[in-house]
Amino acid sequence: MSEAAARVGRLYGLDQIVLWLFRGVAIIVLLLGIHYWLMLLGVTDPAFRFDTMPNHWKIAATTLCVLMPVASLGLWGLYRWGVAIWLIAVSVELFMHLLMPERFGENRLLVVFHLAAIALFVGYRLLRWIERRRAVS
């Protein structure tokens, strides 16, 4: 049995909810990665493919088309590096759509999704920290 499968077998309660939360986020992140690949190939808009994109889009799309599937795999397997890669990818997208909307456009649904997922993750980590503090006391 793999390490990730062994960890999933030991999960209960709050951890089981977080497992499904991470898996749901992993699926959405994978779909976002596929979207960036399709964008680069010109499938979503034939006039907006890699060779016709402005440089800022080339950098962002190529970065995200690699980071998103890797983050998805890490989140699905509940690996710590998956959360780190996911936070990097989310930071890039939030930077694009919140700080540079004139270049990348506003995508409020994506921003809300990312902020909600981060808030849930931080809330989970806070609950785990409180739980550990109570166990020590």
N, C-alpha and C. Protein backbone atom coordinates (compact mmCIF):
# COMPACT_ATOMS: atom_id res chain seq x y z
N MET A 1 0.85 -1.17 0.00
CA MET A 1 0.00 0.00 0.00
C MET A 1 0.89 1.24 0.00
N SER A 2 0.50 2.23 -0.77
CA SER A 2 1.30 3.45 -0.86
C SER A 2 1.16 4.28 0.41
N GLU A 3 2.07 5.22 0.58
CA GLU A 3 2.06 6.10 1.75
C GLU A 3 0.77 6.92 1.81
N ALA A 4 0.37 7.47 0.65
CA ALA A 4 -0.84 8.29 0.60
C ALA A 4 -2.07 7.45 0.93
N ALA A 5 -2.14 6.23 0.40
CA ALA A 5 -3.28 5.36 0.67
C ALA A 5 -3.33 4.98 2.15
N ALA A 6 -2.17 4.77 2.76
CA ALA A 6 -2.13 4.45 4.18
C ALA A 6 -2.63 5.63 5.01
N ARG A 7 -2.25 6.86 4.61
CA ARG A 7 -2.71 8.05 5.32
C ARG A 7 -4.21 8.22 5.19
N VAL A 8 -4.75 7.97 4.00
CA VAL A 8 -6.19 8.12 3.79
C VAL A 8 -6.95 7.13 4.65
N GLY A 9 -6.43 5.92 4.83
CA GLY A 9 -7.08 4.91 5.66
C GLY A 9 -7.14 5.29 7.12
N ARG A 10 -6.25 6.14 7.60
CA ARG A 10 -6.21 6.55 9.01
C ARG A 10 -7.01 7.82 9.28
N LEU A 11 -7.57 8.44 8.27
CA LEU A 11 -8.26 9.71 8.46
C LEU A 11 -9.67 9.49 9.03
N TYR A 12 -10.11 10.42 9.86
CA TYR A 12 -11.46 10.37 10.41
C TYR A 12 -11.89 11.78 10.78
N GLY A 13 -13.18 12.00 10.91
CA GLY A 13 -13.73 13.28 11.35
C GLY A 13 -13.37 14.44 10.45
N LEU A 14 -12.77 15.46 11.05
CA LEU A 14 -12.40 16.67 10.33
C LEU A 14 -11.42 16.36 9.20
N ASP A 15 -10.50 15.44 9.46
CA ASP A 15 -9.52 15.08 8.43
C ASP A 15 -10.19 14.49 7.20
N GLN A 16 -11.26 13.73 7.40
CA GLN A 16 -11.99 13.13 6.26
C GLN A 16 -12.65 14.24 5.44
N ILE A 17 -13.20 15.24 6.10
CA ILE A 17 -13.81 16.37 5.38
C ILE A 17 -12.75 17.11 4.58
N VAL A 18 -11.59 17.33 5.19
CA VAL A 18 -10.51 18.04 4.51
C VAL A 18 -9.99 17.22 3.33
N LEU A 19 -9.97 15.89 3.49
CA LEU A 19 -9.57 15.03 2.37
C LEU A 19 -10.43 15.33 1.15
N TRP A 20 -11.74 15.37 1.33
CA TRP A 20 -12.63 15.61 0.19
C TRP A 20 -12.56 17.05 -0.28
N LEU A 21 -12.29 17.98 0.63
CA LEU A 21 -12.07 19.37 0.23
C LEU A 21 -10.84 19.46 -0.67
N PHE A 22 -9.73 18.85 -0.25
CA PHE A 22 -8.52 18.88 -1.06
C PHE A 22 -8.73 18.18 -2.40
N ARG A 23 -9.45 17.09 -2.39
CA ARG A 23 -9.70 16.38 -3.65
C ARG A 23 -10.57 17.21 -4.58
N GLY A 24 -11.55 17.91 -4.04
CA GLY A 24 -12.37 18.80 -4.87
C GLY A 24 -11.56 19.93 -5.46
N VAL A 25 -10.72 20.53 -4.63
CA VAL A 25 -9.84 21.61 -5.12
C VAL A 25 -8.87 21.04 -6.15
N ALA A 26 -8.38 19.82 -5.93
CA ALA A 26 -7.45 19.20 -6.88
C ALA A 26 -8.10 19.03 -8.25
N ILE A 27 -9.35 18.63 -8.29
CA ILE A 27 -10.05 18.46 -9.57
C ILE A 27 -10.19 19.80 -10.28
N ILE A 28 -10.58 20.83 -9.54
CA ILE A 28 -10.74 22.15 -10.15
C ILE A 28 -9.40 22.69 -10.63
N VAL A 29 -8.35 22.49 -9.84
CA VAL A 29 -7.02 22.96 -10.22
C VAL A 29 -6.54 22.22 -11.47
N LEU A 30 -6.83 20.93 -11.56
CA LEU A 30 -6.48 20.17 -12.77
C LEU A 30 -7.21 20.73 -13.98
N LEU A 31 -8.49 21.04 -13.82
CA LEU A 31 -9.25 21.62 -14.93
C LEU A 31 -8.69 22.99 -15.34
N LEU A 32 -8.24 23.77 -14.36
CA LEU A 32 -7.61 25.05 -14.68
C LEU A 32 -6.32 24.84 -15.46
N GLY A 33 -5.54 23.84 -15.06
CA GLY A 33 -4.31 23.51 -15.79
C GLY A 33 -4.60 23.10 -17.22
N ILE A 34 -5.63 22.28 -17.40
CA ILE A 34 -6.03 21.88 -18.75
C ILE A 34 -6.48 23.10 -19.55
N HIS A 35 -7.20 24.00 -18.89
CA HIS A 35 -7.63 25.24 -19.57
C HIS A 35 -6.43 26.03 -20.08
N TYR A 36 -5.39 26.15 -19.27
CA TYR A 36 -4.20 26.89 -19.72
C TYR A 36 -3.50 26.17 -20.87
N TRP A 37 -3.47 24.85 -20.85
CA TRP A 37 -2.89 24.11 -21.98
C TRP A 37 -3.70 24.35 -23.25
N LEU A 38 -5.03 24.30 -23.12
CA LEU A 38 -5.88 24.54 -24.29
C LEU A 38 -5.72 25.97 -24.80
N MET A 39 -5.53 26.91 -23.88
CA MET A 39 -5.30 28.30 -24.28
C MET A 39 -4.00 28.41 -25.08
N LEU A 40 -2.94 27.78 -24.58
CA LEU A 40 -1.65 27.84 -25.28
C LEU A 40 -1.72 27.22 -26.66
N LEU A 41 -2.50 26.17 -26.79
CA LEU A 41 -2.62 25.48 -28.08
C LEU A 41 -3.58 26.17 -29.04
N GLY A 42 -4.33 27.15 -28.54
CA GLY A 42 -5.25 27.88 -29.40
C GLY A 42 -6.59 27.20 -29.56
N VAL A 43 -6.92 26.24 -28.70
CA VAL A 43 -8.19 25.54 -28.80
C VAL A 43 -9.33 26.42 -28.30
N THR A 44 -9.12 27.15 -27.20
CA THR A 44 -10.19 27.98 -26.65
C THR A 44 -10.47 29.20 -27.54
N ASP A 45 -9.43 29.76 -28.11
CA ASP A 45 -9.57 30.91 -29.02
C ASP A 45 -8.42 30.83 -30.03
N PRO A 46 -8.70 30.42 -31.27
CA PRO A 46 -7.63 30.25 -32.25
C PRO A 46 -6.80 31.51 -32.50
N ALA A 47 -7.36 32.68 -32.25
CA ALA A 47 -6.61 33.92 -32.45
C ALA A 47 -5.70 34.23 -31.25
N PHE A 48 -5.89 33.50 -30.15
CA PHE A 48 -5.13 33.76 -28.93
C PHE A 48 -4.42 32.47 -28.51
N ARG A 49 -3.37 32.14 -29.22
CA ARG A 49 -2.56 30.97 -28.90
C ARG A 49 -1.16 31.45 -28.56
N PHE A 50 -0.27 30.52 -28.21
CA PHE A 50 1.04 30.90 -27.68
C PHE A 50 1.81 31.85 -28.59
N ASP A 51 1.84 31.57 -29.88
CA ASP A 51 2.64 32.41 -30.78
C ASP A 51 2.04 33.79 -31.03
N THR A 52 0.77 33.98 -30.68
CA THR A 52 0.13 35.29 -30.87
C THR A 52 -0.14 36.03 -29.56
N MET A 53 0.14 35.39 -28.43
CA MET A 53 -0.10 36.01 -27.13
C MET A 53 0.90 37.11 -26.85
N PRO A 54 0.49 38.11 -26.09
CA PRO A 54 1.47 39.08 -25.59
C PRO A 54 2.41 38.38 -24.60
N ASN A 55 3.57 38.94 -24.41
CA ASN A 55 4.59 38.30 -23.57
C ASN A 55 4.12 38.04 -22.14
N HIS A 56 3.36 38.97 -21.56
CA HIS A 56 2.92 38.75 -20.18
C HIS A 56 2.00 37.53 -20.08
N TRP A 57 1.19 37.29 -21.11
CA TRP A 57 0.34 36.10 -21.11
C TRP A 57 1.16 34.84 -21.36
N LYS A 58 2.18 34.93 -22.19
CA LYS A 58 3.04 33.77 -22.44
C LYS A 58 3.68 33.29 -21.14
N ILE A 59 4.20 34.24 -20.37
CA ILE A 59 4.86 33.89 -19.12
C ILE A 59 3.85 33.28 -18.14
N ALA A 60 2.72 33.94 -17.96
CA ALA A 60 1.72 33.48 -16.99
C ALA A 60 1.12 32.13 -17.39
N ALA A 61 0.74 32.00 -18.64
CA ALA A 61 0.07 30.76 -19.08
C ALA A 61 1.02 29.56 -19.04
N THR A 62 2.26 29.75 -19.47
CA THR A 62 3.19 28.61 -19.44
C THR A 62 3.53 28.23 -18.00
N THR A 63 3.64 29.19 -17.12
CA THR A 63 3.90 28.89 -15.71
C THR A 63 2.74 28.11 -15.11
N LEU A 64 1.53 28.58 -15.37
CA LEU A 64 0.36 27.96 -14.77
C LEU A 64 0.00 26.62 -15.41
N CYS A 65 0.31 26.44 -16.69
CA CYS A 65 -0.02 25.15 -17.30
C CYS A 65 0.88 24.03 -16.76
N VAL A 66 2.00 24.39 -16.14
CA VAL A 66 2.86 23.40 -15.50
C VAL A 66 2.51 23.28 -14.01
N LEU A 67 2.35 24.41 -13.32
CA LEU A 67 2.10 24.39 -11.88
C LEU A 67 0.76 23.76 -11.52
N MET A 68 -0.28 24.05 -12.28
CA MET A 68 -1.62 23.58 -11.92
C MET A 68 -1.74 22.05 -11.88
N PRO A 69 -1.33 21.33 -12.92
CA PRO A 69 -1.44 19.86 -12.82
C PRO A 69 -0.55 19.26 -11.72
N VAL A 70 0.62 19.83 -11.50
CA VAL A 70 1.50 19.34 -10.44
C VAL A 70 0.85 19.59 -9.07
N ALA A 71 0.28 20.77 -8.88
CA ALA A 71 -0.41 21.08 -7.63
C ALA A 71 -1.61 20.16 -7.43
N SER A 72 -2.31 19.87 -8.52
CA SER A 72 -3.46 18.98 -8.44
C SER A 72 -3.05 17.59 -7.97
N LEU A 73 -1.98 17.09 -8.51
CA LEU A 73 -1.48 15.77 -8.10
C LEU A 73 -1.08 15.79 -6.62
N GLY A 74 -0.40 16.83 -6.20
CA GLY A 74 0.01 16.94 -4.81
C GLY A 74 -1.16 17.07 -3.85
N LEU A 75 -2.18 17.83 -4.23
CA LEU A 75 -3.36 17.97 -3.38
C LEU A 75 -4.13 16.66 -3.30
N TRP A 76 -4.25 15.98 -4.42
CA TRP A 76 -4.98 14.71 -4.44
C TRP A 76 -4.30 13.68 -3.52
N GLY A 77 -2.99 13.65 -3.54
CA GLY A 77 -2.25 12.70 -2.72
C GLY A 77 -1.99 13.16 -1.30
N LEU A 78 -2.49 14.34 -0.94
CA LEU A 78 -2.31 14.91 0.38
C LEU A 78 -0.84 15.10 0.76
N TYR A 79 -0.03 15.46 -0.23
CA TYR A 79 1.38 15.70 0.02
C TYR A 79 1.58 17.16 0.42
N ARG A 80 2.52 17.41 1.31
CA ARG A 80 2.78 18.78 1.74
C ARG A 80 3.27 19.64 0.59
N TRP A 81 4.07 19.07 -0.29
CA TRP A 81 4.57 19.86 -1.42
C TRP A 81 3.42 20.25 -2.35
N GLY A 82 2.35 19.47 -2.36
CA GLY A 82 1.19 19.81 -3.19
C GLY A 82 0.55 21.11 -2.74
N VAL A 83 0.45 21.29 -1.43
CA VAL A 83 -0.11 22.53 -0.89
C VAL A 83 0.81 23.70 -1.23
N ALA A 84 2.12 23.48 -1.13
CA ALA A 84 3.07 24.56 -1.44
C ALA A 84 2.97 24.98 -2.90
N ILE A 85 2.94 24.01 -3.81
CA ILE A 85 2.83 24.33 -5.24
C ILE A 85 1.49 24.99 -5.53
N TRP A 86 0.44 24.49 -4.89
CA TRP A 86 -0.89 25.08 -5.07
C TRP A 86 -0.90 26.54 -4.64
N LEU A 87 -0.30 26.83 -3.49
CA LEU A 87 -0.26 28.22 -3.01
C LEU A 87 0.56 29.11 -3.95
N ILE A 88 1.61 28.58 -4.54
CA ILE A 88 2.37 29.36 -5.52
C ILE A 88 1.51 29.66 -6.74
N ALA A 89 0.84 28.64 -7.27
CA ALA A 89 -0.01 28.82 -8.45
C ALA A 89 -1.16 29.79 -8.17
N VAL A 90 -1.77 29.65 -7.00
CA VAL A 90 -2.86 30.55 -6.62
C VAL A 90 -2.34 31.98 -6.49
N SER A 91 -1.16 32.14 -5.92
CA SER A 91 -0.57 33.48 -5.79
C SER A 91 -0.37 34.12 -7.16
N VAL A 92 0.08 33.33 -8.12
CA VAL A 92 0.28 33.85 -9.48
C VAL A 92 -1.06 34.31 -10.06
N GLU A 93 -2.10 33.47 -9.93
CA GLU A 93 -3.39 33.85 -10.49
C GLU A 93 -4.01 35.05 -9.76
N LEU A 94 -3.87 35.09 -8.45
CA LEU A 94 -4.39 36.25 -7.72
C LEU A 94 -3.64 37.52 -8.11
N PHE A 95 -2.34 37.42 -8.28
CA PHE A 95 -1.55 38.56 -8.75
C PHE A 95 -2.05 39.03 -10.11
N MET A 96 -2.31 38.06 -11.01
CA MET A 96 -2.76 38.41 -12.36
C MET A 96 -4.08 39.16 -12.33
N HIS A 97 -5.06 38.61 -11.60
CA HIS A 97 -6.42 39.13 -11.70
C HIS A 97 -6.76 40.22 -10.69
N LEU A 98 -5.98 40.32 -9.61
CA LEU A 98 -6.25 41.38 -8.64
C LEU A 98 -5.34 42.59 -8.83
N LEU A 99 -4.07 42.37 -9.12
CA LEU A 99 -3.13 43.47 -9.21
C LEU A 99 -2.87 43.96 -10.64
N MET A 100 -3.19 43.13 -11.62
CA MET A 100 -2.97 43.53 -13.02
C MET A 100 -4.18 43.22 -13.89
N PRO A 101 -5.38 43.65 -13.49
CA PRO A 101 -6.56 43.33 -14.30
C PRO A 101 -6.56 43.99 -15.67
N GLU A 102 -5.81 45.08 -15.82
CA GLU A 102 -5.75 45.73 -17.13
C GLU A 102 -5.01 44.87 -18.15
N ARG A 103 -4.15 43.99 -17.70
CA ARG A 103 -3.41 43.10 -18.60
C ARG A 103 -4.07 41.72 -18.73
N PHE A 104 -4.59 41.19 -17.62
CA PHE A 104 -5.10 39.82 -17.60
C PHE A 104 -6.61 39.72 -17.49
N GLY A 105 -7.26 40.83 -17.26
CA GLY A 105 -8.71 40.82 -17.12
C GLY A 105 -9.12 40.48 -15.69
N GLU A 106 -10.36 40.79 -15.38
CA GLU A 106 -10.91 40.47 -14.06
C GLU A 106 -11.61 39.13 -14.16
N ASN A 107 -11.31 38.26 -13.24
CA ASN A 107 -11.98 36.97 -13.16
C ASN A 107 -12.41 36.80 -11.70
N ARG A 108 -13.52 37.41 -11.36
CA ARG A 108 -13.96 37.46 -9.97
C ARG A 108 -14.32 36.08 -9.43
N LEU A 109 -14.92 35.24 -10.25
CA LEU A 109 -15.28 33.89 -9.80
C LEU A 109 -14.03 33.11 -9.40
N LEU A 110 -13.00 33.19 -10.20
CA LEU A 110 -11.74 32.51 -9.91
C LEU A 110 -11.09 33.06 -8.65
N VAL A 111 -11.10 34.37 -8.49
CA VAL A 111 -10.52 35.01 -7.30
C VAL A 111 -11.29 34.58 -6.05
N VAL A 112 -12.61 34.57 -6.11
CA VAL A 112 -13.42 34.16 -4.96
C VAL A 112 -13.16 32.70 -4.63
N PHE A 113 -13.07 31.84 -5.64
CA PHE A 113 -12.79 30.43 -5.40
C PHE A 113 -11.45 30.26 -4.70
N HIS A 114 -10.42 30.90 -5.22
CA HIS A 114 -9.09 30.77 -4.62
C HIS A 114 -9.06 31.30 -3.19
N LEU A 115 -9.66 32.45 -2.96
CA LEU A 115 -9.66 33.01 -1.61
C LEU A 115 -10.46 32.14 -0.64
N ALA A 116 -11.58 31.58 -1.10
CA ALA A 116 -12.37 30.69 -0.24
C ALA A 116 -11.59 29.41 0.07
N ALA A 117 -10.92 28.85 -0.91
CA ALA A 117 -10.14 27.63 -0.69
C ALA A 117 -8.99 27.90 0.28
N ILE A 118 -8.33 29.03 0.13
CA ILE A 118 -7.25 29.39 1.05
C ILE A 118 -7.81 29.59 2.45
N ALA A 119 -8.95 30.25 2.57
CA ALA A 119 -9.56 30.48 3.88
C ALA A 119 -9.92 29.15 4.55
N LEU A 120 -10.45 28.21 3.79
CA LEU A 120 -10.77 26.89 4.35
C LEU A 120 -9.51 26.17 4.80
N PHE A 121 -8.46 26.26 4.00
CA PHE A 121 -7.21 25.61 4.36
C PHE A 121 -6.61 26.23 5.63
N VAL A 122 -6.61 27.55 5.71
CA VAL A 122 -6.07 28.23 6.90
C VAL A 122 -6.93 27.89 8.12
N GLY A 123 -8.25 27.85 7.94
CA GLY A 123 -9.13 27.47 9.04
C GLY A 123 -8.86 26.06 9.53
N TYR A 124 -8.64 25.15 8.61
CA TYR A 124 -8.31 23.77 8.97
C TYR A 124 -7.00 23.71 9.75
N ARG A 125 -5.98 24.41 9.25
CA ARG A 125 -4.68 24.40 9.93
C ARG A 125 -4.80 25.02 11.33
N LEU A 126 -5.62 26.06 11.46
CA LEU A 126 -5.84 26.68 12.76
C LEU A 126 -6.52 25.71 13.72
N LEU A 127 -7.54 25.00 13.25
CA LEU A 127 -8.21 24.00 14.09
C LEU A 127 -7.25 22.90 14.52
N ARG A 128 -6.39 22.45 13.59
CA ARG A 128 -5.40 21.42 13.93
C ARG A 128 -4.42 21.94 14.97
N TRP A 129 -4.02 23.19 14.86
CA TRP A 129 -3.09 23.79 15.83
C TRP A 129 -3.73 23.85 17.21
N ILE A 130 -4.99 24.29 17.26
CA ILE A 130 -5.72 24.36 18.53
C ILE A 130 -5.86 22.96 19.12
N GLU A 131 -6.17 22.00 18.30
CA GLU A 131 -6.32 20.61 18.75
C GLU A 131 -5.01 20.09 19.36
N ARG A 132 -3.90 20.39 18.73
CA ARG A 132 -2.60 19.94 19.24
C ARG A 132 -2.26 20.64 20.56
N ARG A 133 -2.59 21.94 20.65
CA ARG A 133 -2.33 22.69 21.89
C ARG A 133 -3.14 22.12 23.04
N ARG A 134 -4.38 21.72 22.77
CA ARG A 134 -5.22 21.13 23.82
C ARG A 134 -4.68 19.77 24.25
N ALA A 135 -4.18 19.00 23.30
CA ALA A 135 -3.64 17.69 23.61
C ALA A 135 -2.38 17.77 24.48
N VAL A 136 -1.60 18.81 24.28
CA VAL A 136 -0.38 19.00 25.07
C VAL A 136 -0.70 19.45 26.47
N SER A 137 -1.74 20.26 26.62
CA SER A 137 -2.08 20.83 27.94
C SER A 137 -2.68 19.82 28.86
